[in-house]
C-alpha atoms as a PDB file:
ATOM      1  CA  MET A   1      -4.592  46.757   9.739  1.00  0.00           C
ATOM      2  CA  LEU A   2      -7.630  44.495   9.612  1.00  0.00           C
ATOM      3  CA  ARG A   3      -6.638  43.363   6.113  1.00  0.00           C
ATOM      4  CA  CYS A   4      -3.143  42.408   7.312  1.00  0.00           C
ATOM      5  CA  VAL A   5      -4.545  40.315  10.175  1.00  0.00           C
ATOM      6  CA  THR A   6      -7.077  38.654   7.878  1.00  0.00           C
ATOM      7  CA  LEU A   7      -4.416  37.965   5.251  1.00  0.00           C
ATOM      8  CA  ALA A   8      -2.019  36.533   7.858  1.00  0.00           C
ATOM      9  CA  THR A   9      -4.791  34.306   9.234  1.00  0.00           C
ATOM     10  CA  LEU A  10      -5.675  33.098   5.735  1.00  0.00           C
ATOM     11  CA  VAL A  11      -2.040  32.339   4.881  1.00  0.00           C
ATOM     12  CA  ALA A  12      -1.597  30.418   8.145  1.00  0.00           C
ATOM     13  CA  ALA A  13      -4.770  28.402   7.539  1.00  0.00           C
ATOM     14  CA  VAL A  14      -3.815  27.535   3.966  1.00  0.00           C
ATOM     15  CA  SER A  15      -0.247  26.524   4.833  1.00  0.00           C
ATOM     16  CA  LEU A  16      -1.250  24.364   7.820  1.00  0.00           C
ATOM     17  CA  PRO A  17      -2.340  21.284   5.844  1.00  0.00           C
ATOM     18  CA  ALA A  18       0.874  21.353   3.825  1.00  0.00           C
ATOM     19  CA  SER A  19       3.017  21.144   6.940  1.00  0.00           C
ATOM     20  CA  ALA A  20       0.788  18.724   8.864  1.00  0.00           C
ATOM     21  CA  GLN A  21       1.536  15.007   8.658  1.00  0.00           C
ATOM     22  CA  ILE A  22      -1.453  13.357   7.002  1.00  0.00           C
ATOM     23  CA  VAL A  23      -2.059   9.716   7.861  1.00  0.00           C
ATOM     24  CA  VAL A  24      -3.958   7.902   5.133  1.00  0.00           C
ATOM     25  CA  GLN A  25      -6.402   5.274   6.364  1.00  0.00           C
ATOM     26  CA  ARG A  26      -6.782   3.131   3.297  1.00  0.00           C
ATOM     27  CA  LYS A  27      -8.902   0.089   2.676  1.00  0.00           C
ATOM     28  CA  LEU A  28      -6.842  -2.880   1.562  1.00  0.00           C
ATOM     29  CA  ALA A  29      -8.531  -5.436  -0.670  1.00  0.00           C
ATOM     30  CA  PRO A  30      -9.885  -8.314   1.435  1.00  0.00           C
ATOM     31  CA  ASN A  31      -8.714 -10.771  -1.246  1.00  0.00           C
ATOM     32  CA  SER A  32      -5.135  -9.501  -1.005  1.00  0.00           C
ATOM     33  CA  LEU A  33      -2.355 -11.541   0.560  1.00  0.00           C
ATOM     34  CA  ARG A  34       0.702 -10.442   2.562  1.00  0.00           C
ATOM     35  CA  GLY A  35       4.166 -10.980   1.156  1.00  0.00           C
ATOM     36  CA  GLU A  36       7.676  -9.700   0.647  1.00  0.00           C
ATOM     37  CA  LEU A  37       8.404  -8.079  -2.710  1.00  0.00           C
ATOM     38  CA  VAL A  38      11.711  -7.285  -4.385  1.00  0.00           C
ATOM     39  CA  VAL A  39      11.656  -5.662  -7.821  1.00  0.00           C
ATOM     40  CA  THR A  40      14.574  -7.193  -9.714  1.00  0.00           C
ATOM     41  CA  GLN A  41      14.153  -5.783 -13.216  1.00  0.00           C
ATOM     42  CA  ALA A  42      10.579  -4.680 -13.897  1.00  0.00           C
ATOM     43  CA  PRO A  43       8.301  -6.369 -14.700  1.00  0.00           C
ATOM     44  CA  ALA A  44      10.276  -9.205 -13.084  1.00  0.00           C
ATOM     45  CA  VAL A  45      10.028  -9.377  -9.289  1.00  0.00           C
ATOM     46  CA  LEU A  46      10.637 -11.792  -6.459  1.00  0.00           C
ATOM     47  CA  LEU A  47       7.562 -12.457  -4.360  1.00  0.00           C
ATOM     48  CA  ASN A  48       8.365 -14.336  -1.156  1.00  0.00           C
ATOM     49  CA  GLY A  49      11.652 -15.330  -2.772  1.00  0.00           C
ATOM     50  CA  GLN A  50       9.966 -16.811  -5.866  1.00  0.00           C
ATOM     51  CA  PRO A  51      10.077 -15.308  -9.391  1.00  0.00           C
ATOM     52  CA  ALA A  52       6.886 -13.493 -10.424  1.00  0.00           C
ATOM     53  CA  LEU A  53       5.787 -10.858 -12.916  1.00  0.00           C
ATOM     54  CA  LEU A  54       3.928  -7.587 -12.637  1.00  0.00           C
ATOM     55  CA  ALA A  55       0.864  -7.554 -14.901  1.00  0.00           C
ATOM     56  CA  PRO A  56       0.893  -5.003 -17.748  1.00  0.00           C
ATOM     57  CA  GLY A  57      -1.636  -2.837 -15.862  1.00  0.00           C
ATOM     58  CA  ALA A  58      -0.148  -3.373 -12.402  1.00  0.00           C
ATOM     59  CA  ARG A  59      -0.515  -0.588  -9.855  1.00  0.00           C
ATOM     60  CA  ILE A  60       1.932  -0.215  -6.996  1.00  0.00           C
ATOM     61  CA  ARG A  61       0.790   2.117  -4.228  1.00  0.00           C
ATOM     62  CA  GLY A  62       3.313   3.511  -1.762  1.00  0.00           C
ATOM     63  CA  GLU A  63       2.832   3.937   1.989  1.00  0.00           C
ATOM     64  CA  ASN A  64       1.051   7.245   1.288  1.00  0.00           C
ATOM     65  CA  ASN A  65      -1.269   5.515  -1.244  1.00  0.00           C
ATOM     66  CA  LEU A  66       0.250   7.325  -4.237  1.00  0.00           C
ATOM     67  CA  ILE A  67       1.263   5.348  -7.324  1.00  0.00           C
ATOM     68  CA  VAL A  68       4.950   4.357  -7.339  1.00  0.00           C
ATOM     69  CA  LEU A  69       6.880   3.316 -10.447  1.00  0.00           C
ATOM     70  CA  SER A  70       8.369  -0.161 -10.173  1.00  0.00           C
ATOM     71  CA  ALA A  71      11.783   0.959 -11.442  1.00  0.00           C
ATOM     72  CA  SER A  72      12.145   3.272  -8.437  1.00  0.00           C
ATOM     73  CA  LEU A  73      11.832   0.258  -6.114  1.00  0.00           C
ATOM     74  CA  THR A  74      14.526  -1.920  -7.704  1.00  0.00           C
ATOM     75  CA  GLY A  75      16.478  -3.901  -5.126  1.00  0.00           C
ATOM     76  CA  GLN A  76      14.374  -2.874  -2.101  1.00  0.00           C
ATOM     77  CA  LYS A  77      12.797  -5.530   0.153  1.00  0.00           C
ATOM     78  CA  LEU A  78       9.229  -4.403   0.821  1.00  0.00           C
ATOM     79  CA  VAL A  79       6.407  -5.823   2.918  1.00  0.00           C
ATOM     80  CA  VAL A  80       3.311  -5.631   0.738  1.00  0.00           C
ATOM     81  CA  ASN A  81      -0.231  -6.772   0.244  1.00  0.00           C
ATOM     82  CA  TYR A  82      -0.953  -7.907  -3.291  1.00  0.00           C
ATOM     83  CA  THR A  83      -3.583  -9.322  -5.614  1.00  0.00           C
ATOM     84  CA  ARG A  84      -3.081 -11.418  -8.730  1.00  0.00           C
ATOM     85  CA  GLU A  85      -4.893 -11.318 -12.037  1.00  0.00           C
ATOM     86  CA  LEU A  86      -6.257 -14.407 -13.809  1.00  0.00           C
ATOM     87  CA  ARG A  87      -2.892 -15.479 -15.273  1.00  0.00           C
ATOM     88  CA  GLY A  88      -1.213 -15.191 -11.858  1.00  0.00           C
ATOM     89  CA  GLN A  89       0.639 -11.944 -12.473  1.00  0.00           C
ATOM     90  CA  LEU A  90       0.638  -9.269  -9.737  1.00  0.00           C
ATOM     91  CA  LEU A  91      -2.080  -6.713 -10.382  1.00  0.00           C
ATOM     92  CA  ASP A  92      -2.377  -4.519  -7.295  1.00  0.00           C
ATOM     93  CA  VAL A  93       0.428  -4.002  -4.796  1.00  0.00           C
ATOM     94  CA  TRP A  94       0.226  -1.934  -1.603  1.00  0.00           C
ATOM     95  CA  ILE A  95       3.511  -1.103   0.133  1.00  0.00           C
ATOM     96  CA  LEU A  96       2.548  -1.271   3.802  1.00  0.00           C
ATOM     97  CA  ASN A  97       3.188   1.404   6.397  1.00  0.00           C
ATOM     98  CA  ALA A  98       4.093   0.498   9.999  1.00  0.00           C
ATOM     99  CA  SER A  99       0.491   0.338  11.270  1.00  0.00           C
ATOM    100  CA  GLU A 100      -0.586  -1.856   8.344  1.00  0.00           C
ATOM    101  CA  ARG A 101       2.398  -4.183   8.812  1.00  0.00           C
ATOM    102  CA  ALA A 102       1.378  -4.621  12.462  1.00  0.00           C
ATOM    103  CA  LYS A 103      -2.049  -5.976  11.482  1.00  0.00           C
ATOM    104  CA  ARG A 104      -2.418  -9.694  11.020  1.00  0.00           C
ATOM    105  CA  TRP A 105      -3.087 -10.626   7.373  1.00  0.00           C
ATOM    106  CA  PRO A 106      -3.155 -13.985   5.554  1.00  0.00           C
ATOM    107  CA  LYS A 107      -0.098 -14.959   3.549  1.00  0.00           C
ATOM    108  CA  THR A 108      -1.741 -17.792   1.614  1.00  0.00           C
ATOM    109  CA  ALA A 109      -5.134 -18.501   0.057  1.00  0.00           C
ATOM    110  CA  GLU A 110      -5.511 -21.391   2.509  1.00  0.00           C
ATOM    111  CA  GLU A 111      -5.143 -19.044   5.491  1.00  0.00           C
ATOM    112  CA  ALA A 112      -7.612 -16.587   3.950  1.00  0.00           C
ATOM    113  CA  ALA A 113     -10.152 -19.399   3.510  1.00  0.00           C
ATOM    114  CA  LYS A 114      -9.908 -20.332   7.200  1.00  0.00           C
ATOM    115  CA  TRP A 115      -9.808 -16.834   8.705  1.00  0.00           C
ATOM    116  CA  ARG A 116     -12.591 -14.257   8.979  1.00  0.00           C
ATOM    117  CA  PHE A 117     -12.242 -10.699   7.633  1.00  0.00           C
ATOM    118  CA  GLU A 118     -13.798  -7.685   9.395  1.00  0.00           C
ATOM    119  CA  PRO A 119     -14.134  -4.915   6.749  1.00  0.00           C
ATOM    120  CA  GLN A 120     -14.736  -2.025   9.165  1.00  0.00           C
ATOM    121  CA  SER A 121     -11.576  -2.554  11.192  1.00  0.00           C
ATOM    122  CA  GLN A 122      -9.635  -4.135   8.310  1.00  0.00           C
ATOM    123  CA  THR A 123      -8.602  -7.052  10.532  1.00  0.00           C
ATOM    124  CA  TRP A 124      -8.458 -10.819  10.185  1.00  0.00           C
ATOM    125  CA  THR A 125      -9.249 -13.305  12.951  1.00  0.00           C
ATOM    126  CA  GLN A 126      -8.953 -17.082  13.104  1.00  0.00           C
END
């Protein structure tokens, strides 16, 4: 009887994290900018309505911070934060969840130069 109770308790404890909704608090790169991304035909994308390319080593992270393949995003309009590599191609892309979209973030390098970034709270202020 004791074994059955212990086993049932163990099974319940192990299965709990699988059924619980896990919210990932991720740190976005302070040098990233906010934009709207549409994958047209990878590596070709539209960034804020303008043609751009994903870099050969580009990483796209979904709302849950897992890597997403660009082909699976074709045609979707996504609010993202992104960084560029030296040639101007997109290197890191974070698809934003609702709480990240609600935070103020610079859309241009000029805004980023004027605003102040608080790393702990991941917020920008003017």
